[in-house]
């Protein structure tokens, strides 16, 4: 089946120039990744993730500000018994400009982050306690609808990602959210993030209907600081509402938290510090190091404390290739643990010229 998908996408890429209203472009982008977490606590276990994901697409302009993309996506986990963990077609309709674009089909999820840093390589730019970073490695392919805004004052990503259909074996699964910033004045901005993971569906009643929400409202400052190339300070207030079963209100948990992240870059190096205090904060898909519920399902009594200190180095050996090497120390309650990561982003276009 996967071979048929691959061949079908190649056939589409070969056939589309005849329908194009402008030059056709073949694009390739991917991420080579190696991530190791040495965690031994009641919240999150250690894990090694090693592999590469990539996609090749043909971009076909159909008119002013209207474009269709078709291709193939694959994710290979090194050491897996299968050639690819996931193979999917890339089918995308893009309407609009760089300032405001509507996307239908395959979503734009893992976008380059200026300055690098493992804590910021997330799907849609969500904070790690809302959605764990490693999904950018293991689940970078999403499909649904999306609205991207990137004006001089506002940046925002609004999306709906359909993860699973409702079948006799399981509920439907989807997640939706928004993540954006508004520049208020000078170096000061306001930030808002909202995310929900939903399990439901009406065709088949398999397991409980559930919702897991998280909200983050923040203030961001990017002042000029002597001796560094850039500096950023972010302060967020967060709230969560986790409903593992809509019919059992006694299982619903409401939580709150405060998160501070400070980062600076100099000569291609980026250092960051995260400080987190949360109480009863629970969120499906969130990084368990931040959450109040342990792996055994028992909530931490009182306030959960977490801190993180990291150093990353970004290299650009040639145009279209960005290498990001990083190491972090994690303070989980009273324990000090560590992790390290090496990722390389490859992104290039091959214009085919203007069709006849």
Protein backbone atom coordinates (compact mmCIF):
# COMPACT_ATOMS: atom_id res chain seq x y z
CA UNK A 1 0.00 0.00 0.00
CA UNK A 2 2.76 2.44 0.91
CA UNK A 3 4.58 1.71 -2.35
CA UNK A 4 1.38 2.49 -4.25
CA UNK A 5 1.06 5.81 -2.41
CA UNK A 6 4.66 6.66 -3.26
CA UNK A 7 4.20 5.81 -6.94
CA UNK A 8 0.93 7.77 -7.08
CA UNK A 9 2.62 10.87 -5.67
CA UNK A 10 5.45 10.57 -8.21
CA UNK A 11 2.89 10.32 -11.00
CA UNK A 12 1.12 13.42 -9.67
CA UNK A 13 4.39 15.35 -9.53
CA UNK A 14 5.07 14.42 -13.16
CA UNK A 15 1.59 15.30 -14.40
CA UNK A 16 0.89 18.63 -12.68
CA UNK A 17 2.94 21.00 -14.91
CA UNK A 18 0.30 20.84 -17.63
CA UNK A 19 -2.31 22.40 -15.30
CA UNK A 20 -0.07 25.03 -13.74
CA UNK A 21 -0.61 28.76 -14.22
CA UNK A 22 2.97 29.54 -13.24
CA UNK A 23 6.35 27.91 -12.62
CA UNK A 24 6.22 24.52 -10.90
CA UNK A 25 8.59 23.94 -7.98
CA UNK A 26 9.79 20.67 -6.49
CA UNK A 27 10.41 21.14 -2.77
CA UNK A 28 12.12 18.86 -0.27
CA UNK A 29 12.35 19.30 3.47
CA UNK A 30 13.20 16.96 6.29
CA UNK A 31 14.64 16.55 9.75
CA UNK A 32 17.44 14.20 10.78
CA UNK A 33 17.04 13.69 14.53
CA UNK A 34 18.71 12.05 17.49
CA UNK A 35 17.24 12.67 20.95
CA UNK A 36 18.19 11.02 24.23
CA UNK A 37 16.54 11.70 27.60
CA UNK A 38 18.06 10.22 30.74
CA UNK A 39 15.01 10.51 32.98
CA UNK A 40 14.31 8.30 35.98
CA UNK A 41 11.41 9.83 37.87
CA UNK A 42 7.74 9.12 38.56
CA UNK A 43 6.61 11.53 35.85
CA UNK A 44 8.60 10.72 32.72
CA UNK A 45 10.79 7.80 31.65
CA UNK A 46 13.98 8.05 29.59
CA UNK A 47 13.77 7.46 25.86
CA UNK A 48 16.01 7.46 22.78
CA UNK A 49 14.51 8.67 19.49
CA UNK A 50 16.67 8.28 16.41
CA UNK A 51 15.63 8.67 12.77
CA UNK A 52 14.72 10.97 9.91
CA UNK A 53 11.50 12.29 8.43
CA UNK A 54 11.11 14.03 5.12
CA UNK A 55 8.72 15.01 2.36
CA UNK A 56 9.01 15.79 -1.33
CA UNK A 57 6.29 17.87 -2.97
CA UNK A 58 5.44 19.51 -6.26
CA UNK A 59 4.05 23.04 -5.81
CA UNK A 60 1.62 24.09 -8.56
CA UNK A 61 0.35 27.71 -8.72
CA UNK A 62 -3.21 27.75 -10.09
CA UNK A 63 -3.58 31.51 -9.99
CA UNK A 64 -2.77 34.56 -7.88
CA UNK A 65 -2.40 33.43 -4.24
CA UNK A 66 -3.75 29.91 -4.96
CA UNK A 67 -1.44 26.91 -4.90
CA UNK A 68 -1.77 23.11 -4.78
CA UNK A 69 0.95 20.87 -3.40
CA UNK A 70 1.19 17.12 -3.85
CA UNK A 71 3.86 14.66 -2.77
CA UNK A 72 4.82 12.05 -0.21
CA UNK A 73 5.89 12.06 3.46
CA UNK A 74 7.90 9.37 5.25
CA UNK A 75 9.27 8.91 8.78
CA UNK A 76 11.98 6.30 9.38
CA UNK A 77 12.88 5.34 12.94
CA UNK A 78 16.36 3.84 13.03
CA UNK A 79 16.35 0.28 14.35
CA UNK A 80 12.69 -0.30 13.53
CA UNK A 81 11.63 -3.62 12.02
CA UNK A 82 9.75 -1.66 9.35
CA UNK A 83 11.33 0.42 6.61
CA UNK A 84 9.16 3.40 7.57
CA UNK A 85 7.13 4.02 10.71
CA UNK A 86 4.77 6.19 8.68
CA UNK A 87 4.20 6.91 4.99
CA UNK A 88 1.49 9.37 3.98
CA UNK A 89 0.52 11.39 0.90
CA UNK A 90 1.01 15.15 1.04
CA UNK A 91 -2.02 16.90 -0.47
CA UNK A 92 -2.41 20.58 0.30
CA UNK A 93 -4.46 23.54 -0.96
CA UNK A 94 -2.96 26.92 -0.04
CA UNK A 95 -4.98 30.11 -0.50
CA UNK A 96 -3.64 33.54 0.42
CA UNK A 97 -0.32 35.33 0.86
CA UNK A 98 2.54 35.15 3.35
CA UNK A 99 0.63 37.60 5.55
CA UNK A 100 -2.55 35.53 5.73
CA UNK A 101 -2.87 32.01 4.34
CA UNK A 102 -5.55 29.31 4.54
CA UNK A 103 -4.31 25.71 4.33
CA UNK A 104 -6.55 22.71 3.68
CA UNK A 105 -5.19 19.16 3.76
CA UNK A 106 -1.65 18.52 4.98
CA UNK A 107 -0.77 21.10 7.65
CA UNK A 108 2.38 23.18 8.15
CA UNK A 109 3.41 21.99 11.61
CA UNK A 110 7.18 21.98 12.24
CA UNK A 111 8.54 25.31 11.09
CA UNK A 112 12.12 26.61 11.47
CA UNK A 113 12.85 28.43 14.74
CA UNK A 114 15.32 31.35 14.61
CA UNK A 115 18.13 30.79 17.09
CA UNK A 116 17.33 27.10 17.56
CA UNK A 117 16.79 25.42 20.90
CA UNK A 118 15.14 22.08 21.76
CA UNK A 119 12.50 23.71 23.97
CA UNK A 120 11.14 25.62 20.95
CA UNK A 121 11.12 22.81 18.36
CA UNK A 122 7.45 21.96 18.90
CA UNK A 123 4.36 21.48 16.76
CA UNK A 124 2.85 24.90 15.96
CA UNK A 125 5.17 26.57 18.49
CA UNK A 126 3.19 25.34 21.52
CA UNK A 127 4.80 25.47 24.97
CA UNK A 128 6.19 22.06 26.10
CA UNK A 129 3.76 21.63 29.05
CA UNK A 130 0.90 21.99 26.56
CA UNK A 131 2.36 19.65 23.92
CA UNK A 132 5.56 17.65 24.36
CA UNK A 133 8.49 18.63 22.10
CA UNK A 134 9.26 15.12 20.84
CA UNK A 135 6.04 15.10 18.78
CA UNK A 136 7.99 17.27 16.32
CA UNK A 137 10.14 14.18 15.77
CA UNK A 138 7.61 11.36 16.00
CA UNK A 139 4.38 13.00 14.69
CA UNK A 140 5.33 15.81 12.32
CA UNK A 141 2.65 14.90 9.74
CA UNK A 142 -0.80 16.36 10.41
CA UNK A 143 -3.88 16.89 8.26
CA UNK A 144 -6.94 19.09 8.61
CA UNK A 145 -7.42 22.84 8.22
CA UNK A 146 -5.20 25.77 9.20
CA UNK A 147 -5.03 29.56 9.10
CA UNK A 148 -1.59 31.17 9.30
CA UNK A 149 -1.07 34.90 9.93
CA UNK A 150 2.33 36.61 9.75
CA UNK A 151 1.98 40.38 9.55
CA UNK A 152 4.34 42.95 10.98
CA UNK A 153 2.37 43.09 14.21
CA UNK A 154 0.59 39.74 14.56
CA UNK A 155 1.73 36.14 14.14
CA UNK A 156 -0.73 33.32 14.71
CA UNK A 157 -1.34 29.66 13.89
CA UNK A 158 -4.93 28.42 14.13
CA UNK A 159 -5.50 24.75 13.24
CA UNK A 160 -7.58 21.58 13.48
CA UNK A 161 -5.71 18.27 13.16
CA UNK A 162 -7.71 15.06 12.62
CA UNK A 163 -5.69 12.22 14.16
CA UNK A 164 -8.03 9.19 14.06
CA UNK A 165 -11.42 8.20 12.66
CA UNK A 166 -14.17 6.77 14.85
CA UNK A 167 -14.10 2.99 14.28
CA UNK A 168 -15.38 -0.11 16.14
CA UNK A 169 -11.91 -0.29 17.75
CA UNK A 170 -11.50 3.28 19.02
CA UNK A 171 -12.95 6.77 19.35
CA UNK A 172 -12.15 9.53 16.90
CA UNK A 173 -9.21 11.66 18.02
CA UNK A 174 -8.51 15.25 17.06
CA UNK A 175 -6.66 18.21 18.44
CA UNK A 176 -7.16 21.90 17.75
CA UNK A 177 -5.59 25.09 18.92
CA UNK A 178 -4.22 28.53 18.37
CA UNK A 179 -0.78 29.92 19.15
CA UNK A 180 0.11 33.52 18.47
CA UNK A 181 1.65 36.81 19.50
CA UNK A 182 0.68 40.46 19.13
CA UNK A 183 3.31 43.18 19.33
CA UNK A 184 2.00 45.75 21.80
CA UNK A 185 4.72 48.39 21.84
CA UNK A 186 8.41 48.37 21.02
CA UNK A 187 9.99 45.13 22.32
CA UNK A 188 6.86 44.08 24.23
CA UNK A 189 4.33 41.53 22.97
CA UNK A 190 1.34 39.62 24.30
CA UNK A 191 1.09 35.86 23.68
CA UNK A 192 -1.89 33.51 23.70
CA UNK A 193 -2.04 29.73 23.34
CA UNK A 194 -5.06 27.43 23.51
CA UNK A 195 -5.03 23.70 22.81
CA UNK A 196 -7.48 20.81 23.21
CA UNK A 197 -7.23 17.06 22.59
CA UNK A 198 -10.64 15.43 22.07
CA UNK A 199 -11.73 11.78 21.97
CA UNK A 200 -15.29 11.27 20.76
CA UNK A 201 -17.45 10.33 17.80
CA UNK A 202 -21.07 9.23 17.36
CA UNK A 203 -20.76 6.28 14.97
CA UNK A 204 -19.20 3.87 17.47
CA UNK A 205 -19.36 4.08 21.26
CA UNK A 206 -15.92 2.78 22.25
CA UNK A 207 -14.62 4.07 25.57
CA UNK A 208 -15.35 7.42 27.22
CA UNK A 209 -15.66 10.81 25.52
CA UNK A 210 -12.83 13.00 26.82
CA UNK A 211 -11.42 16.51 26.50
CA UNK A 212 -8.08 17.87 27.67
CA UNK A 213 -7.70 21.65 27.53
CA UNK A 214 -4.83 24.03 28.22
CA UNK A 215 -4.70 27.85 28.09
CA UNK A 216 -1.66 30.12 28.28
CA UNK A 217 -1.60 33.91 28.42
CA UNK A 218 1.79 35.56 28.44
CA UNK A 219 3.91 38.69 28.22
CA UNK A 220 7.05 38.66 26.07
CA UNK A 221 9.93 41.14 26.09
CA UNK A 222 12.78 41.22 23.55
CA UNK A 223 14.88 44.23 24.63
CA UNK A 224 18.37 44.98 23.40
CA UNK A 225 20.86 43.69 25.95
CA UNK A 226 24.61 44.46 25.81
CA UNK A 227 27.04 41.66 24.92
CA UNK A 228 24.39 39.34 23.39
CA UNK A 229 22.91 39.15 19.89
CA UNK A 230 19.34 38.69 21.12
CA UNK A 231 17.48 38.34 24.40
CA UNK A 232 13.96 37.17 25.18
CA UNK A 233 11.99 36.88 28.43
CA UNK A 234 8.58 35.20 28.53
CA UNK A 235 6.19 34.96 31.47
CA UNK A 236 3.04 32.83 31.15
CA UNK A 237 0.07 32.10 33.31
CA UNK A 238 -1.47 28.73 32.40
CA UNK A 239 -4.68 26.88 33.20
CA UNK A 240 -5.76 23.34 32.38
CA UNK A 241 -9.00 21.39 32.48
CA UNK A 242 -8.65 17.64 32.00
CA UNK A 243 -11.84 15.58 31.50
CA UNK A 244 -10.93 11.90 31.02
CA UNK A 245 -14.65 11.04 31.04
CA UNK A 246 -17.40 13.58 30.37
CA UNK A 247 -19.95 11.41 32.20
CA UNK A 248 -17.91 11.33 35.41
CA UNK A 249 -17.51 14.86 36.65
CA UNK A 250 -15.60 13.60 39.69
CA UNK A 251 -12.65 12.73 37.41
CA UNK A 252 -12.34 16.26 35.99
CA UNK A 253 -9.26 18.15 37.16
CA UNK A 254 -8.61 21.88 36.93
CA UNK A 255 -5.06 23.14 37.31
CA UNK A 256 -2.98 26.28 37.09
CA UNK A 257 0.68 27.12 36.63
CA UNK A 258 3.24 29.87 36.08
CA UNK A 259 6.11 29.49 33.61
CA UNK A 260 9.13 31.74 33.08
CA UNK A 261 11.48 31.25 30.12
CA UNK A 262 14.55 33.42 29.55
CA UNK A 263 16.90 32.93 26.60
CA UNK A 264 19.84 34.68 24.96
CA UNK A 265 21.89 34.09 21.80
CA UNK A 266 25.51 34.93 21.05
CA UNK A 267 27.70 33.83 18.12
CA UNK A 268 25.36 30.99 17.19
CA UNK A 269 24.97 29.77 20.79
CA UNK A 270 21.64 29.91 22.61
CA UNK A 271 21.17 29.40 26.32
CA UNK A 272 17.81 29.18 28.05
CA UNK A 273 16.37 28.82 31.52
CA UNK A 274 12.84 27.59 32.31
CA UNK A 275 11.23 27.79 35.76
CA UNK A 276 7.82 26.16 36.31
CA UNK A 277 5.44 26.03 39.26
CA UNK A 278 2.15 24.18 38.78
CA UNK A 279 -0.68 22.85 40.88
CA UNK A 280 -2.98 20.06 39.63
CA UNK A 281 -1.89 20.82 36.06
CA UNK A 282 -2.83 17.91 33.76
CA UNK A 283 -2.81 17.94 29.96
CA UNK A 284 -2.96 15.13 27.43
CA UNK A 285 0.07 15.31 25.09
CA UNK A 286 1.88 17.62 27.53
CA UNK A 287 5.45 17.00 28.71
CA UNK A 288 5.08 14.90 31.86
CA UNK A 289 8.02 16.64 33.55
CA UNK A 290 5.75 19.68 33.96
CA UNK A 291 2.54 17.86 34.86
CA UNK A 292 1.14 17.21 38.33
CA UNK A 293 -0.09 13.71 37.56
CA UNK A 294 2.57 11.00 37.81
CA UNK A 295 2.90 7.93 35.65
CA UNK A 296 0.95 5.98 38.26
CA UNK A 297 -2.03 8.33 37.88
CA UNK A 298 -1.55 9.87 41.34
CA UNK A 299 -1.38 13.66 41.56
CA UNK A 300 1.49 15.41 43.30
CA UNK A 301 0.35 16.91 46.62
CA UNK A 302 0.73 20.67 46.49
CA UNK A 303 2.82 22.62 43.99
CA UNK A 304 4.94 20.86 41.34
CA UNK A 305 8.36 22.39 40.69
CA UNK A 306 10.39 21.96 37.53
CA UNK A 307 13.38 23.82 36.09
CA UNK A 308 15.48 23.43 32.96
CA UNK A 309 18.81 24.87 31.84
CA UNK A 310 19.98 24.34 28.27
CA UNK A 311 22.71 25.27 25.81
CA UNK A 312 22.37 24.93 22.03
CA UNK A 313 24.68 25.61 19.11
CA UNK A 314 23.28 26.35 15.65
CA UNK A 315 25.41 25.72 12.54
CA UNK A 316 24.60 26.56 8.93
CA UNK A 317 27.22 24.70 6.83
CA UNK A 318 25.48 25.48 3.52
CA UNK A 319 22.32 27.22 2.42
CA UNK A 320 19.27 25.13 3.21
CA UNK A 321 20.91 23.09 6.01
CA UNK A 322 20.66 24.01 9.70
CA UNK A 323 22.28 21.85 12.40
CA UNK A 324 21.13 22.29 16.01
CA UNK A 325 23.09 20.52 18.79
CA UNK A 326 21.91 20.93 22.38
CA UNK A 327 22.24 19.63 25.93
CA UNK A 328 20.01 20.25 28.94
CA UNK A 329 19.88 19.80 32.69
CA UNK A 330 16.44 19.09 34.15
CA UNK A 331 15.51 19.61 37.81
CA UNK A 332 12.48 17.44 38.50
CA UNK A 333 11.54 18.16 42.11
CA UNK A 334 14.80 17.32 43.95
CA UNK A 335 16.40 15.24 41.15
CA UNK A 336 18.86 16.53 38.53
CA UNK A 337 18.70 14.71 35.19
CA UNK A 338 20.02 15.41 31.70
CA UNK A 339 19.24 15.07 28.01
CA UNK A 340 20.89 15.88 24.70
CA UNK A 341 19.75 16.26 21.11
CA UNK A 342 21.17 16.63 17.61
CA UNK A 343 18.90 17.64 14.74
CA UNK A 344 19.61 18.76 11.19
CA UNK A 345 16.98 20.53 9.12
CA UNK A 346 17.23 20.29 5.32
CA UNK A 347 15.05 22.51 3.13
CA UNK A 348 15.48 23.36 -0.55
CA UNK A 349 13.48 24.11 -3.70
CA UNK A 350 14.07 23.11 -7.31
CA UNK A 351 12.20 25.36 -9.79
CA UNK A 352 11.24 23.55 -12.99
CA UNK A 353 10.67 26.71 -14.99
CA UNK A 354 7.53 28.12 -16.53
CA UNK A 355 5.32 25.52 -18.26
CA UNK A 356 4.39 25.89 -21.92
